[in-house]
Amino acid sequence: MRAHPIRRTVLTCVATVSVTTLALALKPHSQPATAAPHIPASSRSPAVPGGTGSGGASGKRTLTGETVQTRYGPVQVEITVDGAKITAVRAVKTPSGDRRSQDIASSSVPTLVQETLDAQSARIDTVSGATFTSEGYISSLQSALDQARG
């Protein structure tokens, strides 16, 4: 006697949903590091003080931002400012725990550096596919810029 086709379809659907639910419920083998907090673009402040009044610091200075722990590893940014202008940016630390993290960092950091030099602030977009690295970069960059203002 053959099994009823509707019964087979229902059992297949139930099995598929069960397996999918179990697969999505799996946790990673290790506990990920705390990701960098998201800083909306609207709340980021400009690089260094401009305009009138106090005049800001003059001269060339190199400042290193805080090390930000992301899910895939630490990110730290160093900036060079000359007066009120960001003249150079360098990622001192980038995620390097595995080959994929290294590849993502090596392709996203040059874009982030160029955006920083163009924007002259931390008001830059995250790089698609490198969200954690981008957010860590922006947070570290902002801390370096805060030092430039202080």
C-alpha atoms as a PDB file:
ATOM      1  CA  MET A   1       0.000   0.000   0.000  1.00  0.00           C
ATOM      2  CA  ARG A   2       1.355   3.485  -0.915  1.00  0.00           C
ATOM      3  CA  ALA A   3       1.639   6.329   1.581  1.00  0.00           C
ATOM      4  CA  HIS A   4      -0.751   9.159   1.041  1.00  0.00           C
ATOM      5  CA  PRO A   5       0.958  12.036  -0.903  1.00  0.00           C
ATOM      6  CA  ILE A   6      -0.440  14.770   1.380  1.00  0.00           C
ATOM      7  CA  ARG A   7       0.866  12.945   4.453  1.00  0.00           C
ATOM      8  CA  ARG A   8       4.335  12.729   2.870  1.00  0.00           C
ATOM      9  CA  THR A   9       4.255  16.453   2.003  1.00  0.00           C
ATOM     10  CA  VAL A  10       3.236  17.431   5.528  1.00  0.00           C
ATOM     11  CA  LEU A  11       5.952  15.266   7.083  1.00  0.00           C
ATOM     12  CA  THR A  12       8.557  16.746   4.713  1.00  0.00           C
ATOM     13  CA  CYS A  13       7.516  20.297   5.630  1.00  0.00           C
ATOM     14  CA  VAL A  14       7.592  19.556   9.366  1.00  0.00           C
ATOM     15  CA  ALA A  15      11.029  17.962   9.071  1.00  0.00           C
ATOM     16  CA  THR A  16      12.371  20.919   7.060  1.00  0.00           C
ATOM     17  CA  VAL A  17      11.077  23.465   9.586  1.00  0.00           C
ATOM     18  CA  SER A  18      12.510  21.442  12.490  1.00  0.00           C
ATOM     19  CA  VAL A  19      15.959  21.112  10.933  1.00  0.00           C
ATOM     20  CA  THR A  20      16.011  24.819   9.986  1.00  0.00           C
ATOM     21  CA  THR A  21      15.006  25.846  13.516  1.00  0.00           C
ATOM     22  CA  LEU A  22      17.728  23.678  15.035  1.00  0.00           C
ATOM     23  CA  ALA A  23      20.352  25.034  12.640  1.00  0.00           C
ATOM     24  CA  LEU A  24      19.443  28.630  13.466  1.00  0.00           C
ATOM     25  CA  ALA A  25      19.523  27.916  17.189  1.00  0.00           C
ATOM     26  CA  LEU A  26      23.147  26.714  17.134  1.00  0.00           C
ATOM     27  CA  LYS A  27      25.565  28.950  18.967  1.00  0.00           C
ATOM     28  CA  PRO A  28      29.172  29.653  17.933  1.00  0.00           C
ATOM     29  CA  HIS A  29      31.883  27.535  19.553  1.00  0.00           C
ATOM     30  CA  SER A  30      33.442  30.502  21.324  1.00  0.00           C
ATOM     31  CA  GLN A  31      31.957  33.559  22.915  1.00  0.00           C
ATOM     32  CA  PRO A  32      32.384  36.562  20.599  1.00  0.00           C
ATOM     33  CA  ALA A  33      33.970  39.717  21.932  1.00  0.00           C
ATOM     34  CA  THR A  34      31.652  42.615  22.559  1.00  0.00           C
ATOM     35  CA  ALA A  35      31.051  44.526  19.367  1.00  0.00           C
ATOM     36  CA  ALA A  36      31.740  48.219  19.158  1.00  0.00           C
ATOM     37  CA  PRO A  37      28.727  50.338  19.977  1.00  0.00           C
ATOM     38  CA  HIS A  38      26.926  51.740  16.976  1.00  0.00           C
ATOM     39  CA  ILE A  39      27.344  55.497  16.685  1.00  0.00           C
ATOM     40  CA  PRO A  40      24.764  57.067  14.383  1.00  0.00           C
ATOM     41  CA  ALA A  41      26.224  59.434  11.804  1.00  0.00           C
ATOM     42  CA  SER A  42      24.075  62.280  13.081  1.00  0.00           C
ATOM     43  CA  SER A  43      25.693  62.143  16.543  1.00  0.00           C
ATOM     44  CA  ARG A  44      29.297  62.066  15.387  1.00  0.00           C
ATOM     45  CA  SER A  45      31.112  65.323  15.762  1.00  0.00           C
ATOM     46  CA  PRO A  46      33.497  67.006  13.347  1.00  0.00           C
ATOM     47  CA  ALA A  47      37.185  66.225  13.360  1.00  0.00           C
ATOM     48  CA  VAL A  48      38.709  69.230  15.010  1.00  0.00           C
ATOM     49  CA  PRO A  49      37.255  72.517  16.079  1.00  0.00           C
ATOM     50  CA  GLY A  50      36.933  75.065  13.354  1.00  0.00           C
ATOM     51  CA  GLY A  51      35.291  78.404  12.920  1.00  0.00           C
ATOM     52  CA  THR A  52      35.957  81.408  15.052  1.00  0.00           C
ATOM     53  CA  GLY A  53      36.793  81.891  18.679  1.00  0.00           C
ATOM     54  CA  SER A  54      39.399  79.707  20.358  1.00  0.00           C
ATOM     55  CA  GLY A  55      41.138  78.931  17.086  1.00  0.00           C
ATOM     56  CA  GLY A  56      41.986  75.287  17.954  1.00  0.00           C
ATOM     57  CA  ALA A  57      45.396  73.724  18.215  1.00  0.00           C
ATOM     58  CA  SER A  58      47.956  74.469  15.557  1.00  0.00           C
ATOM     59  CA  GLY A  59      50.873  72.392  14.375  1.00  0.00           C
ATOM     60  CA  LYS A  60      51.223  68.819  13.291  1.00  0.00           C
ATOM     61  CA  ARG A  61      50.200  66.182  15.846  1.00  0.00           C
ATOM     62  CA  THR A  62      49.769  62.407  15.709  1.00  0.00           C
ATOM     63  CA  LEU A  63      47.041  60.965  17.911  1.00  0.00           C
ATOM     64  CA  THR A  64      46.064  57.365  18.536  1.00  0.00           C
ATOM     65  CA  GLY A  65      42.457  56.412  19.200  1.00  0.00           C
ATOM     66  CA  GLU A  66      41.296  53.847  21.718  1.00  0.00           C
ATOM     67  CA  THR A  67      41.535  50.169  20.860  1.00  0.00           C
ATOM     68  CA  VAL A  68      37.998  48.994  20.135  1.00  0.00           C
ATOM     69  CA  GLN A  69      37.239  45.300  20.594  1.00  0.00           C
ATOM     70  CA  THR A  70      34.956  44.047  17.820  1.00  0.00           C
ATOM     71  CA  ARG A  71      33.461  40.624  17.321  1.00  0.00           C
ATOM     72  CA  TYR A  72      36.377  39.663  15.073  1.00  0.00           C
ATOM     73  CA  GLY A  73      39.258  41.423  16.802  1.00  0.00           C
ATOM     74  CA  PRO A  74      40.653  44.781  17.904  1.00  0.00           C
ATOM     75  CA  VAL A  75      40.621  47.931  15.782  1.00  0.00           C
ATOM     76  CA  GLN A  76      42.723  51.019  16.498  1.00  0.00           C
ATOM     77  CA  VAL A  77      43.221  54.138  14.388  1.00  0.00           C
ATOM     78  CA  GLU A  78      46.021  56.714  14.379  1.00  0.00           C
ATOM     79  CA  ILE A  79      45.526  60.141  12.821  1.00  0.00           C
ATOM     80  CA  THR A  80      47.838  63.006  11.994  1.00  0.00           C
ATOM     81  CA  VAL A  81      46.336  66.467  12.168  1.00  0.00           C
ATOM     82  CA  ASP A  82      47.881  69.724  11.061  1.00  0.00           C
ATOM     83  CA  GLY A  83      45.921  72.530  12.619  1.00  0.00           C
ATOM     84  CA  ALA A  84      42.280  71.706  11.844  1.00  0.00           C
ATOM     85  CA  LYS A  85      43.018  69.308   8.953  1.00  0.00           C
ATOM     86  CA  ILE A  86      43.383  65.534   9.063  1.00  0.00           C
ATOM     87  CA  THR A  87      46.446  64.906   6.926  1.00  0.00           C
ATOM     88  CA  ALA A  88      46.981  61.165   7.462  1.00  0.00           C
ATOM     89  CA  VAL A  89      45.102  58.171   8.840  1.00  0.00           C
ATOM     90  CA  ARG A  90      46.466  54.731   9.628  1.00  0.00           C
ATOM     91  CA  ALA A  91      44.853  51.629  11.086  1.00  0.00           C
ATOM     92  CA  VAL A  92      47.268  50.521  13.811  1.00  0.00           C
ATOM     93  CA  LYS A  93      45.275  47.369  14.676  1.00  0.00           C
ATOM     94  CA  THR A  94      42.790  45.451  12.549  1.00  0.00           C
ATOM     95  CA  PRO A  95      41.073  42.097  13.036  1.00  0.00           C
ATOM     96  CA  SER A  96      43.520  39.334  12.182  1.00  0.00           C
ATOM     97  CA  GLY A  97      42.218  36.281  14.002  1.00  0.00           C
ATOM     98  CA  ASP A  98      41.562  34.310  10.832  1.00  0.00           C
ATOM     99  CA  ARG A  99      42.178  34.601   7.103  1.00  0.00           C
ATOM    100  CA  ARG A 100      38.679  35.915   6.346  1.00  0.00           C
ATOM    101  CA  SER A 101      38.995  38.704   8.937  1.00  0.00           C
ATOM    102  CA  GLN A 102      42.374  39.658   7.465  1.00  0.00           C
ATOM    103  CA  ASP A 103      40.897  39.768   3.953  1.00  0.00           C
ATOM    104  CA  ILE A 104      37.933  41.886   5.048  1.00  0.00           C
ATOM    105  CA  ALA A 105      40.184  44.328   6.922  1.00  0.00           C
ATOM    106  CA  SER A 106      42.682  44.614   4.069  1.00  0.00           C
ATOM    107  CA  SER A 107      39.929  45.482   1.603  1.00  0.00           C
ATOM    108  CA  SER A 108      37.830  47.757   3.850  1.00  0.00           C
ATOM    109  CA  VAL A 109      40.444  49.815   5.711  1.00  0.00           C
ATOM    110  CA  PRO A 110      41.765  51.682   2.628  1.00  0.00           C
ATOM    111  CA  THR A 111      38.180  52.719   1.826  1.00  0.00           C
ATOM    112  CA  LEU A 112      37.618  53.890   5.409  1.00  0.00           C
ATOM    113  CA  VAL A 113      40.906  55.833   5.379  1.00  0.00           C
ATOM    114  CA  GLN A 114      40.003  57.593   2.115  1.00  0.00           C
ATOM    115  CA  GLU A 115      36.512  58.424   3.385  1.00  0.00           C
ATOM    116  CA  THR A 116      38.047  59.888   6.555  1.00  0.00           C
ATOM    117  CA  LEU A 117      40.400  62.108   4.559  1.00  0.00           C
ATOM    118  CA  ASP A 118      37.540  63.215   2.286  1.00  0.00           C
ATOM    119  CA  ALA A 119      35.060  63.877   5.130  1.00  0.00           C
ATOM    120  CA  GLN A 120      37.638  65.309   7.567  1.00  0.00           C
ATOM    121  CA  SER A 121      35.565  63.768  10.364  1.00  0.00           C
ATOM    122  CA  ALA A 122      34.173  60.487  11.682  1.00  0.00           C
ATOM    123  CA  ARG A 123      30.996  61.047   9.681  1.00  0.00           C
ATOM    124  CA  ILE A 124      31.696  58.233   7.263  1.00  0.00           C
ATOM    125  CA  ASP A 125      29.707  55.249   6.056  1.00  0.00           C
ATOM    126  CA  THR A 126      30.415  51.672   7.049  1.00  0.00           C
ATOM    127  CA  VAL A 127      31.834  49.444   4.345  1.00  0.00           C
ATOM    128  CA  SER A 128      29.381  46.810   3.158  1.00  0.00           C
ATOM    129  CA  GLY A 129      30.505  43.380   4.312  1.00  0.00           C
ATOM    130  CA  ALA A 130      32.785  44.865   6.969  1.00  0.00           C
ATOM    131  CA  THR A 131      30.286  46.266   9.444  1.00  0.00           C
ATOM    132  CA  PHE A 132      32.101  45.288  12.651  1.00  0.00           C
ATOM    133  CA  THR A 133      35.486  46.470  11.357  1.00  0.00           C
ATOM    134  CA  SER A 134      33.909  49.728  10.112  1.00  0.00           C
ATOM    135  CA  GLU A 135      32.147  50.443  13.405  1.00  0.00           C
ATOM    136  CA  GLY A 136      35.312  49.696  15.386  1.00  0.00           C
ATOM    137  CA  TYR A 137      37.296  51.954  13.038  1.00  0.00           C
ATOM    138  CA  ILE A 138      34.768  54.790  13.405  1.00  0.00           C
ATOM    139  CA  SER A 139      34.732  54.500  17.209  1.00  0.00           C
ATOM    140  CA  SER A 140      38.540  54.526  17.430  1.00  0.00           C
ATOM    141  CA  LEU A 141      38.705  57.389  14.936  1.00  0.00           C
ATOM    142  CA  GLN A 142      36.223  59.392  17.000  1.00  0.00           C
ATOM    143  CA  SER A 143      38.297  58.901  20.159  1.00  0.00           C
ATOM    144  CA  ALA A 144      41.404  60.178  18.329  1.00  0.00           C
ATOM    145  CA  LEU A 145      39.418  63.171  17.062  1.00  0.00           C
ATOM    146  CA  ASP A 146      38.174  63.850  20.592  1.00  0.00           C
ATOM    147  CA  GLN A 147      41.825  64.022  21.708  1.00  0.00           C
ATOM    148  CA  ALA A 148      42.550  66.497  18.907  1.00  0.00           C
ATOM    149  CA  ARG A 149      39.789  68.752  20.198  1.00  0.00           C
ATOM    150  CA  GLY A 150      40.803  68.379  23.861  1.00  0.00           C
END
